[in-house]
Amino acid sequence: MKKVLLVVTLMLTIGIVANAQLKFGVKAGANISNIAVDADNKVGFNTGVFGEFKISKFAIQPEVLFSMQGAKGADTKFETSYINIPVMAKYYIIKGLSVEAGPQIGFLTSAKFKPTEGDSEDVKEIMKKTDFAINFGASYELPIIPVGVFARYSLGITDLYDKDKLGIDGGDLGKNRVFQIGAFVKF
């Protein structure tokens, strides 16, 4: 009985994998970011690579992206950079058009506080080194060539600052909020 179950499981797995499509691609676009505290949006960019494992109307798309984020105040800029790794679950509504959602982990690579006048200050030491977010979005791939556009909103769920290093017990110290638009090419 165990052998029969193993053979059936193996056959189903081979059938699913045989019908799956694996594609890779590159993407780039603009970020409009904020930190959900009294601040203005900051414009940056994102770029990276992705893979798409598609079965029928469903796909899993892991990515590795470089993302410039932050916020602006009246007299200051707060600039951060992350290596983000989202894993998106996609559903193709019609050919080429998909909606997507999934978790993301980000690794802080730089953080600078820049007053309008004066020198910038590196604030990476008081920031959390990882950032967790939930992403929602959509994409559309052109029917003839493997080029498309995407839009995504990344809702940060991690406080940006390390409260222990700041000596603060509570309060919201800001979370990343990033709207992304851009284009991609699949290979």
N, C-alpha and C. Protein backbone atom coordinates (compact mmCIF):
# COMPACT_ATOMS: atom_id res chain seq x y z
N MET A 1 0.82 -1.19 0.00
CA MET A 1 0.00 0.00 0.00
C MET A 1 0.86 1.26 0.00
N LYS A 2 1.96 1.24 0.79
CA LYS A 2 2.85 2.39 0.84
C LYS A 2 3.49 2.65 -0.52
N LYS A 3 3.86 1.56 -1.22
CA LYS A 3 4.48 1.72 -2.54
C LYS A 3 3.49 2.31 -3.54
N VAL A 4 2.24 1.88 -3.48
CA VAL A 4 1.22 2.41 -4.39
C VAL A 4 1.01 3.90 -4.12
N LEU A 5 0.91 4.28 -2.85
CA LEU A 5 0.75 5.68 -2.48
C LEU A 5 1.94 6.52 -2.93
N LEU A 6 3.14 5.98 -2.78
CA LEU A 6 4.36 6.67 -3.22
C LEU A 6 4.36 6.86 -4.74
N VAL A 7 4.00 5.85 -5.48
CA VAL A 7 3.96 5.92 -6.94
C VAL A 7 2.91 6.93 -7.40
N VAL A 8 1.73 6.92 -6.80
CA VAL A 8 0.67 7.87 -7.16
C VAL A 8 1.12 9.31 -6.86
N THR A 9 1.71 9.54 -5.69
CA THR A 9 2.22 10.87 -5.33
C THR A 9 3.29 11.32 -6.31
N LEU A 10 4.21 10.43 -6.66
CA LEU A 10 5.27 10.74 -7.61
C LEU A 10 4.71 11.09 -8.98
N MET A 11 3.73 10.34 -9.44
CA MET A 11 3.11 10.59 -10.75
C MET A 11 2.38 11.94 -10.76
N LEU A 12 1.67 12.25 -9.69
CA LEU A 12 0.99 13.55 -9.60
C LEU A 12 1.99 14.70 -9.60
N THR A 13 3.08 14.55 -8.84
CA THR A 13 4.11 15.58 -8.80
C THR A 13 4.75 15.78 -10.16
N ILE A 14 5.06 14.70 -10.85
CA ILE A 14 5.65 14.80 -12.19
C ILE A 14 4.68 15.48 -13.15
N GLY A 15 3.40 15.15 -13.05
CA GLY A 15 2.39 15.77 -13.90
C GLY A 15 2.26 17.26 -13.66
N ILE A 16 2.29 17.68 -12.41
CA ILE A 16 2.19 19.11 -12.09
C ILE A 16 3.42 19.84 -12.58
N VAL A 17 4.61 19.31 -12.30
CA VAL A 17 5.86 19.95 -12.73
C VAL A 17 5.96 20.01 -14.25
N ALA A 18 5.50 18.98 -14.93
CA ALA A 18 5.56 18.96 -16.39
C ALA A 18 4.67 20.05 -17.00
N ASN A 19 3.58 20.38 -16.34
CA ASN A 19 2.67 21.42 -16.84
C ASN A 19 3.06 22.81 -16.37
N ALA A 20 4.00 22.92 -15.49
CA ALA A 20 4.41 24.22 -14.96
C ALA A 20 5.35 24.92 -15.93
N GLN A 21 5.30 26.24 -15.87
CA GLN A 21 6.20 27.07 -16.68
C GLN A 21 7.09 27.84 -15.72
N LEU A 22 8.38 27.86 -15.99
CA LEU A 22 9.32 28.62 -15.19
C LEU A 22 9.95 29.68 -16.07
N LYS A 23 9.79 30.93 -15.66
CA LYS A 23 10.38 32.05 -16.39
C LYS A 23 11.12 32.93 -15.40
N PHE A 24 12.12 33.63 -15.94
CA PHE A 24 12.88 34.59 -15.15
C PHE A 24 12.73 35.96 -15.79
N GLY A 25 13.06 36.99 -15.01
CA GLY A 25 12.94 38.32 -15.58
C GLY A 25 13.66 39.37 -14.76
N VAL A 26 13.65 40.57 -15.31
CA VAL A 26 14.19 41.74 -14.63
C VAL A 26 13.08 42.78 -14.58
N LYS A 27 13.15 43.65 -13.56
CA LYS A 27 12.14 44.68 -13.42
C LYS A 27 12.78 45.93 -12.85
N ALA A 28 12.17 47.06 -13.12
CA ALA A 28 12.64 48.34 -12.59
C ALA A 28 11.47 49.31 -12.58
N GLY A 29 11.54 50.27 -11.67
CA GLY A 29 10.46 51.24 -11.61
C GLY A 29 10.70 52.30 -10.56
N ALA A 30 9.65 53.07 -10.30
CA ALA A 30 9.70 54.18 -9.35
C ALA A 30 9.03 53.78 -8.05
N ASN A 31 9.55 54.31 -6.96
CA ASN A 31 8.94 54.17 -5.63
C ASN A 31 8.40 55.53 -5.20
N ILE A 32 7.24 55.54 -4.60
CA ILE A 32 6.73 56.71 -3.90
C ILE A 32 6.54 56.22 -2.47
N SER A 33 7.42 56.68 -1.57
CA SER A 33 7.46 56.09 -0.23
C SER A 33 7.21 57.12 0.86
N ASN A 34 6.86 56.59 2.02
CA ASN A 34 6.66 57.38 3.22
C ASN A 34 6.89 56.45 4.39
N ILE A 35 6.88 57.02 5.60
CA ILE A 35 7.09 56.20 6.79
C ILE A 35 5.91 56.27 7.75
N ALA A 36 4.75 56.70 7.26
CA ALA A 36 3.50 56.71 8.03
C ALA A 36 3.60 57.56 9.29
N VAL A 37 4.41 58.58 9.27
CA VAL A 37 4.49 59.59 10.32
C VAL A 37 4.32 60.92 9.59
N ASP A 38 4.10 62.01 10.28
CA ASP A 38 3.89 63.30 9.60
C ASP A 38 5.08 63.64 8.72
N ALA A 39 4.99 63.26 7.46
CA ALA A 39 6.05 63.51 6.48
C ALA A 39 5.44 63.48 5.09
N ASP A 40 6.20 63.96 4.13
CA ASP A 40 5.77 63.95 2.74
C ASP A 40 6.38 62.74 2.03
N ASN A 41 5.78 62.40 0.89
CA ASN A 41 6.29 61.28 0.09
C ASN A 41 7.64 61.60 -0.51
N LYS A 42 8.47 60.57 -0.63
CA LYS A 42 9.78 60.68 -1.28
C LYS A 42 9.77 59.76 -2.49
N VAL A 43 10.36 60.23 -3.58
CA VAL A 43 10.44 59.43 -4.80
C VAL A 43 11.82 58.78 -4.86
N GLY A 44 11.83 57.49 -5.19
CA GLY A 44 13.06 56.73 -5.34
C GLY A 44 12.89 55.75 -6.48
N PHE A 45 13.69 54.70 -6.51
CA PHE A 45 13.55 53.69 -7.56
C PHE A 45 13.71 52.30 -6.98
N ASN A 46 13.29 51.31 -7.77
CA ASN A 46 13.48 49.91 -7.42
C ASN A 46 13.94 49.17 -8.66
N THR A 47 14.75 48.16 -8.46
CA THR A 47 15.22 47.35 -9.58
C THR A 47 15.61 45.97 -9.05
N GLY A 48 15.48 44.96 -9.88
CA GLY A 48 15.86 43.64 -9.44
C GLY A 48 15.51 42.54 -10.42
N VAL A 49 15.54 41.31 -9.90
CA VAL A 49 15.28 40.12 -10.70
C VAL A 49 14.17 39.31 -10.05
N PHE A 50 13.52 38.45 -10.86
CA PHE A 50 12.47 37.60 -10.33
C PHE A 50 12.40 36.30 -11.10
N GLY A 51 11.74 35.34 -10.51
CA GLY A 51 11.42 34.08 -11.16
C GLY A 51 9.92 33.87 -11.03
N GLU A 52 9.32 33.25 -12.02
CA GLU A 52 7.88 32.97 -11.94
C GLU A 52 7.65 31.50 -12.25
N PHE A 53 7.07 30.81 -11.29
CA PHE A 53 6.72 29.40 -11.42
C PHE A 53 5.21 29.35 -11.58
N LYS A 54 4.74 29.11 -12.82
CA LYS A 54 3.32 29.23 -13.13
C LYS A 54 2.71 27.87 -13.45
N ILE A 55 1.56 27.61 -12.83
CA ILE A 55 0.75 26.42 -13.12
C ILE A 55 -0.66 26.91 -13.39
N SER A 56 -1.09 26.78 -14.63
CA SER A 56 -2.43 27.21 -15.03
C SER A 56 -2.60 28.70 -14.75
N LYS A 57 -3.57 29.08 -13.92
CA LYS A 57 -3.83 30.49 -13.64
C LYS A 57 -3.10 30.99 -12.40
N PHE A 58 -2.38 30.11 -11.72
CA PHE A 58 -1.69 30.47 -10.49
C PHE A 58 -0.18 30.50 -10.71
N ALA A 59 0.50 31.37 -9.94
CA ALA A 59 1.96 31.45 -10.03
C ALA A 59 2.52 31.88 -8.68
N ILE A 60 3.75 31.48 -8.43
CA ILE A 60 4.54 31.97 -7.30
C ILE A 60 5.70 32.73 -7.91
N GLN A 61 5.91 33.95 -7.42
CA GLN A 61 6.97 34.81 -7.98
C GLN A 61 7.87 35.34 -6.88
N PRO A 62 9.01 34.67 -6.60
CA PRO A 62 9.99 35.24 -5.68
C PRO A 62 10.84 36.29 -6.41
N GLU A 63 11.25 37.31 -5.67
CA GLU A 63 12.01 38.40 -6.25
C GLU A 63 13.16 38.80 -5.32
N VAL A 64 14.16 39.45 -5.88
CA VAL A 64 15.21 40.12 -5.11
C VAL A 64 15.32 41.51 -5.71
N LEU A 65 15.02 42.53 -4.88
CA LEU A 65 14.96 43.91 -5.36
C LEU A 65 15.83 44.84 -4.52
N PHE A 66 16.44 45.82 -5.18
CA PHE A 66 17.06 46.94 -4.50
C PHE A 66 16.02 48.05 -4.50
N SER A 67 15.76 48.65 -3.34
CA SER A 67 14.69 49.63 -3.24
C SER A 67 15.14 50.85 -2.44
N MET A 68 15.01 52.04 -3.04
CA MET A 68 15.30 53.30 -2.35
C MET A 68 13.98 53.83 -1.80
N GLN A 69 13.95 54.05 -0.48
CA GLN A 69 12.73 54.43 0.22
C GLN A 69 13.01 55.61 1.13
N GLY A 70 12.04 55.99 1.97
CA GLY A 70 12.23 57.06 2.92
C GLY A 70 11.06 58.00 2.97
N ALA A 71 11.34 59.25 3.37
CA ALA A 71 10.31 60.28 3.48
C ALA A 71 10.99 61.65 3.44
N LYS A 72 10.16 62.69 3.25
CA LYS A 72 10.66 64.07 3.25
C LYS A 72 9.88 64.88 4.27
N GLY A 73 10.58 65.83 4.90
CA GLY A 73 9.94 66.81 5.75
C GLY A 73 10.14 68.17 5.13
N ALA A 74 9.71 69.22 5.83
CA ALA A 74 9.86 70.58 5.30
C ALA A 74 11.32 70.95 5.10
N ASP A 75 12.19 70.55 6.03
CA ASP A 75 13.60 70.92 5.96
C ASP A 75 14.54 69.72 5.96
N THR A 76 13.99 68.52 5.78
CA THR A 76 14.83 67.33 5.88
C THR A 76 14.42 66.27 4.87
N LYS A 77 15.32 65.33 4.66
CA LYS A 77 15.04 64.10 3.91
C LYS A 77 15.53 62.93 4.74
N PHE A 78 14.76 61.86 4.72
CA PHE A 78 15.15 60.62 5.37
C PHE A 78 15.25 59.60 4.25
N GLU A 79 16.46 59.12 3.95
CA GLU A 79 16.70 58.23 2.82
C GLU A 79 17.18 56.87 3.31
N THR A 80 16.46 55.82 2.90
CA THR A 80 16.87 54.45 3.24
C THR A 80 16.96 53.63 1.96
N SER A 81 17.78 52.60 2.03
CA SER A 81 17.89 51.63 0.94
C SER A 81 17.76 50.24 1.54
N TYR A 82 17.06 49.37 0.81
CA TYR A 82 16.83 48.00 1.27
C TYR A 82 17.10 47.01 0.14
N ILE A 83 17.49 45.81 0.51
CA ILE A 83 17.41 44.66 -0.37
C ILE A 83 16.15 43.93 0.08
N ASN A 84 15.12 43.96 -0.75
CA ASN A 84 13.83 43.36 -0.42
C ASN A 84 13.66 42.03 -1.14
N ILE A 85 13.08 41.08 -0.42
CA ILE A 85 12.81 39.75 -0.98
C ILE A 85 11.32 39.44 -0.79
N PRO A 86 10.49 39.84 -1.76
CA PRO A 86 9.08 39.46 -1.69
C PRO A 86 8.85 38.10 -2.33
N VAL A 87 7.83 37.39 -1.86
CA VAL A 87 7.39 36.15 -2.48
C VAL A 87 5.89 36.34 -2.75
N MET A 88 5.57 36.55 -4.02
CA MET A 88 4.21 36.91 -4.40
C MET A 88 3.44 35.69 -4.91
N ALA A 89 2.21 35.54 -4.42
CA ALA A 89 1.28 34.57 -4.98
C ALA A 89 0.45 35.33 -6.01
N LYS A 90 0.40 34.82 -7.24
CA LYS A 90 -0.28 35.52 -8.33
C LYS A 90 -1.44 34.68 -8.85
N TYR A 91 -2.47 35.40 -9.28
CA TYR A 91 -3.61 34.76 -9.94
C TYR A 91 -3.88 35.53 -11.23
N TYR A 92 -3.87 34.79 -12.35
CA TYR A 92 -4.12 35.40 -13.66
C TYR A 92 -5.63 35.46 -13.91
N ILE A 93 -6.17 36.67 -13.92
CA ILE A 93 -7.60 36.88 -14.14
C ILE A 93 -7.96 36.56 -15.58
N ILE A 94 -7.18 37.13 -16.49
CA ILE A 94 -7.26 36.83 -17.92
C ILE A 94 -5.83 36.73 -18.42
N LYS A 95 -5.64 36.31 -19.64
CA LYS A 95 -4.28 36.17 -20.18
C LYS A 95 -3.54 37.51 -20.07
N GLY A 96 -2.41 37.47 -19.37
CA GLY A 96 -1.56 38.64 -19.21
C GLY A 96 -1.84 39.48 -17.98
N LEU A 97 -3.06 39.48 -17.46
CA LEU A 97 -3.42 40.32 -16.32
C LEU A 97 -3.49 39.49 -15.04
N SER A 98 -2.69 39.87 -14.04
CA SER A 98 -2.69 39.13 -12.79
C SER A 98 -2.80 40.07 -11.60
N VAL A 99 -3.35 39.54 -10.52
CA VAL A 99 -3.33 40.21 -9.22
C VAL A 99 -2.38 39.40 -8.34
N GLU A 100 -1.78 40.07 -7.35
CA GLU A 100 -0.76 39.41 -6.55
C GLU A 100 -0.79 39.90 -5.11
N ALA A 101 -0.34 39.05 -4.22
CA ALA A 101 -0.20 39.41 -2.81
C ALA A 101 0.84 38.49 -2.20
N GLY A 102 1.52 39.00 -1.17
CA GLY A 102 2.50 38.14 -0.51
C GLY A 102 3.36 38.87 0.49
N PRO A 103 4.11 38.13 1.28
CA PRO A 103 4.99 38.71 2.29
C PRO A 103 6.31 39.19 1.68
N GLN A 104 6.98 40.04 2.43
CA GLN A 104 8.29 40.56 2.00
C GLN A 104 9.16 40.75 3.23
N ILE A 105 10.42 40.39 3.10
CA ILE A 105 11.42 40.73 4.11
C ILE A 105 12.42 41.66 3.44
N GLY A 106 12.80 42.71 4.16
CA GLY A 106 13.77 43.66 3.64
C GLY A 106 14.96 43.76 4.57
N PHE A 107 16.14 43.93 3.98
CA PHE A 107 17.37 44.08 4.74
C PHE A 107 17.93 45.47 4.50
N LEU A 108 18.04 46.24 5.56
CA LEU A 108 18.51 47.63 5.48
C LEU A 108 19.97 47.68 5.02
N THR A 109 20.24 48.46 3.97
CA THR A 109 21.62 48.62 3.50
C THR A 109 22.18 50.00 3.83
N SER A 110 21.31 51.02 3.90
CA SER A 110 21.76 52.35 4.30
C SER A 110 20.59 53.16 4.83
N ALA A 111 20.91 54.13 5.70
CA ALA A 111 19.90 55.04 6.26
C ALA A 111 20.58 56.36 6.57
N LYS A 112 20.09 57.42 5.95
CA LYS A 112 20.69 58.74 6.14
C LYS A 112 19.60 59.77 6.42
N PHE A 113 19.91 60.67 7.34
CA PHE A 113 19.06 61.81 7.65
C PHE A 113 19.76 63.03 7.06
N LYS A 114 19.08 63.74 6.15
CA LYS A 114 19.71 64.85 5.44
C LYS A 114 18.92 66.14 5.66
N PRO A 115 19.48 67.09 6.44
CA PRO A 115 18.84 68.40 6.53
C PRO A 115 19.05 69.17 5.23
N THR A 116 18.16 70.13 4.95
CA THR A 116 18.28 70.93 3.73
C THR A 116 19.63 71.63 3.70
N GLU A 117 20.04 72.15 4.84
CA GLU A 117 21.35 72.79 4.94
C GLU A 117 22.19 72.00 5.93
N GLY A 118 23.40 71.69 5.56
CA GLY A 118 24.29 70.94 6.44
C GLY A 118 24.59 69.57 5.90
N ASP A 119 25.34 68.82 6.68
CA ASP A 119 25.79 67.49 6.27
C ASP A 119 24.76 66.43 6.63
N SER A 120 24.78 65.36 5.84
CA SER A 120 23.89 64.23 6.13
C SER A 120 24.47 63.41 7.29
N GLU A 121 23.59 62.73 8.00
CA GLU A 121 24.00 61.93 9.14
C GLU A 121 23.58 60.48 8.91
N ASP A 122 24.52 59.56 9.13
CA ASP A 122 24.21 58.13 9.01
C ASP A 122 23.46 57.71 10.27
N VAL A 123 22.22 57.20 10.09
CA VAL A 123 21.40 56.79 11.22
C VAL A 123 21.12 55.29 11.20
N LYS A 124 21.89 54.55 10.45
CA LYS A 124 21.67 53.11 10.31
C LYS A 124 21.76 52.37 11.66
N GLU A 125 22.61 52.85 12.56
CA GLU A 125 22.82 52.17 13.85
C GLU A 125 21.59 52.21 14.75
N ILE A 126 20.69 53.17 14.56
CA ILE A 126 19.49 53.24 15.41
C ILE A 126 18.26 52.63 14.72
N MET A 127 18.48 52.06 13.55
CA MET A 127 17.38 51.46 12.78
C MET A 127 17.40 49.94 12.93
N LYS A 128 16.21 49.34 12.77
CA LYS A 128 16.14 47.88 12.72
C LYS A 128 16.72 47.42 11.40
N LYS A 129 17.44 46.32 11.44
CA LYS A 129 18.15 45.84 10.24
C LYS A 129 17.24 45.06 9.29
N THR A 130 16.08 44.59 9.78
CA THR A 130 15.14 43.89 8.92
C THR A 130 13.78 44.57 8.98
N ASP A 131 13.07 44.48 7.87
CA ASP A 131 11.75 45.10 7.74
C ASP A 131 10.82 44.07 7.13
N PHE A 132 9.67 43.87 7.73
CA PHE A 132 8.68 42.94 7.20
C PHE A 132 7.50 43.74 6.65
N ALA A 133 6.96 43.27 5.52
CA ALA A 133 5.85 43.96 4.88
C ALA A 133 4.92 42.94 4.22
N ILE A 134 3.71 43.41 3.92
CA ILE A 134 2.75 42.65 3.13
C ILE A 134 2.53 43.46 1.85
N ASN A 135 2.63 42.80 0.71
CA ASN A 135 2.49 43.46 -0.59
C ASN A 135 1.19 43.07 -1.29
N PHE A 136 0.62 44.03 -2.03
CA PHE A 136 -0.57 43.83 -2.85
C PHE A 136 -0.33 44.51 -4.18
N GLY A 137 -0.75 43.91 -5.29
CA GLY A 137 -0.53 44.58 -6.55
C GLY A 137 -1.17 43.87 -7.72
N ALA A 138 -0.77 44.35 -8.91
CA ALA A 138 -1.26 43.78 -10.16
C ALA A 138 -0.18 43.98 -11.22
N SER A 139 -0.25 43.15 -12.26
CA SER A 139 0.67 43.31 -13.38
C SER A 139 -0.03 42.93 -14.67
N TYR A 140 0.50 43.46 -15.77
CA TYR A 140 -0.04 43.13 -17.09
C TYR A 140 1.11 42.90 -18.05
N GLU A 141 1.11 41.73 -18.71
CA GLU A 141 2.13 41.38 -19.70
C GLU A 141 1.51 41.50 -21.09
N LEU A 142 2.20 42.17 -21.98
CA LEU A 142 1.71 42.35 -23.35
C LEU A 142 1.54 40.99 -24.03
N PRO A 143 0.56 40.86 -24.92
CA PRO A 143 0.26 39.55 -25.52
C PRO A 143 1.31 39.03 -26.51
N ILE A 144 2.05 39.90 -27.17
CA ILE A 144 2.96 39.45 -28.23
C ILE A 144 4.40 39.32 -27.75
N ILE A 145 4.84 40.23 -26.91
CA ILE A 145 6.22 40.19 -26.43
C ILE A 145 6.21 40.07 -24.90
N PRO A 146 7.26 39.49 -24.30
CA PRO A 146 7.27 39.26 -22.85
C PRO A 146 7.67 40.50 -22.04
N VAL A 147 6.99 41.59 -22.28
CA VAL A 147 7.23 42.86 -21.59
C VAL A 147 5.93 43.26 -20.92
N GLY A 148 6.02 43.86 -19.73
CA GLY A 148 4.81 44.26 -19.06
C GLY A 148 5.03 45.38 -18.06
N VAL A 149 3.95 45.73 -17.37
CA VAL A 149 3.97 46.79 -16.36
C VAL A 149 3.41 46.23 -15.06
N PHE A 150 3.79 46.86 -13.95
CA PHE A 150 3.29 46.42 -12.65
C PHE A 150 3.01 47.62 -11.75
N ALA A 151 2.15 47.41 -10.78
CA ALA A 151 1.88 48.38 -9.71
C ALA A 151 1.74 47.57 -8.43
N ARG A 152 2.32 48.08 -7.36
CA ARG A 152 2.31 47.34 -6.10
C ARG A 152 2.33 48.31 -4.93
N TYR A 153 1.65 47.93 -3.86
CA TYR A 153 1.70 48.68 -2.60
C TYR A 153 2.30 47.77 -1.53
N SER A 154 3.31 48.28 -0.84
CA SER A 154 3.98 47.53 0.22
C SER A 154 3.65 48.18 1.56
N LEU A 155 2.97 47.44 2.40
CA LEU A 155 2.52 47.91 3.70
C LEU A 155 3.45 47.35 4.78
N GLY A 156 4.35 48.20 5.28
CA GLY A 156 5.30 47.77 6.30
C GLY A 156 4.60 47.44 7.61
N ILE A 157 5.05 46.40 8.29
CA ILE A 157 4.45 46.03 9.57
C ILE A 157 5.47 46.08 10.71
N THR A 158 6.70 46.48 10.42
CA THR A 158 7.77 46.55 11.41
C THR A 158 8.09 48.02 11.69
N ASP A 159 8.25 48.36 13.00
CA ASP A 159 8.75 49.70 13.33
C ASP A 159 10.15 49.85 12.75
N LEU A 160 10.43 51.01 12.18
CA LEU A 160 11.73 51.22 11.53
C LEU A 160 12.88 51.38 12.52
N TYR A 161 12.61 52.03 13.65
CA TYR A 161 13.68 52.33 14.60
C TYR A 161 13.77 51.27 15.70
N ASP A 162 14.96 51.05 16.19
CA ASP A 162 15.21 50.15 17.30
C ASP A 162 14.95 50.94 18.59
N LYS A 163 13.84 50.66 19.25
CA LYS A 163 13.43 51.42 20.44
C LYS A 163 14.43 51.30 21.57
N ASP A 164 15.11 50.15 21.69
CA ASP A 164 16.11 49.97 22.74
C ASP A 164 17.28 50.94 22.54
N LYS A 165 17.72 51.10 21.30
CA LYS A 165 18.84 52.00 21.02
C LYS A 165 18.46 53.46 21.17
N LEU A 166 17.16 53.76 21.01
CA LEU A 166 16.68 55.13 21.20
C LEU A 166 16.29 55.39 22.64
N GLY A 167 16.14 54.33 23.45
CA GLY A 167 15.72 54.49 24.84
C GLY A 167 14.25 54.86 24.97
N ILE A 168 13.42 54.35 24.06
CA ILE A 168 11.99 54.66 24.06
C ILE A 168 11.23 53.38 24.36
N ASP A 169 10.19 53.49 25.20
CA ASP A 169 9.41 52.31 25.57
C ASP A 169 8.26 52.02 24.60
N GLY A 170 7.61 53.01 24.08
CA GLY A 170 6.43 52.75 23.24
C GLY A 170 6.26 53.79 22.16
N GLY A 171 5.12 53.71 21.51
CA GLY A 171 4.81 54.66 20.47
C GLY A 171 5.17 54.15 19.09
N ASP A 172 4.52 54.70 18.09
CA ASP A 172 4.77 54.33 16.70
C ASP A 172 5.89 55.21 16.15
N LEU A 173 6.98 54.60 15.76
CA LEU A 173 8.13 55.34 15.25
C LEU A 173 8.22 55.28 13.73
N GLY A 174 7.17 54.84 13.08
CA GLY A 174 7.15 54.83 11.63
C GLY A 174 7.33 53.45 11.05
N LYS A 175 6.59 53.21 9.98
CA LYS A 175 6.67 51.97 9.22
C LYS A 175 6.73 52.34 7.75
N ASN A 176 7.43 51.53 6.98
CA ASN A 176 7.54 51.79 5.55
C ASN A 176 6.18 51.64 4.86
N ARG A 177 5.89 52.58 3.97
CA ARG A 177 4.73 52.54 3.09
C ARG A 177 5.27 52.89 1.71
N VAL A 178 5.18 51.95 0.76
CA VAL A 178 5.81 52.17 -0.54
C VAL A 178 4.84 51.78 -1.65
N PHE A 179 4.61 52.71 -2.58
CA PHE A 179 3.86 52.43 -3.80
C PHE A 179 4.87 52.33 -4.92
N GLN A 180 4.81 51.23 -5.69
CA GLN A 180 5.77 50.99 -6.77
C GLN A 180 5.03 50.88 -8.10
N ILE A 181 5.61 51.48 -9.11
CA ILE A 181 5.14 51.29 -10.49
C ILE A 181 6.38 51.06 -11.35
N GLY A 182 6.21 50.27 -12.41
CA GLY A 182 7.38 50.01 -13.24
C GLY A 182 7.08 49.05 -14.38
N ALA A 183 8.16 48.55 -14.95
CA ALA A 183 8.07 47.64 -16.10
C ALA A 183 8.96 46.44 -15.86
N PHE A 184 8.65 45.35 -16.58
CA PHE A 184 9.44 44.14 -16.46
C PHE A 184 9.60 43.47 -17.83
N VAL A 185 10.62 42.62 -17.92
CA VAL A 185 10.88 41.80 -19.10
C VAL A 185 11.09 40.38 -18.62
N LYS A 186 10.42 39.41 -19.25
CA LYS A 186 10.58 37.99 -18.92
C LYS A 186 11.44 37.32 -19.97
N PHE A 187 12.23 36.33 -19.54
CA PHE A 187 13.08 35.55 -20.45
C PHE A 187 12.63 34.12 -20.48
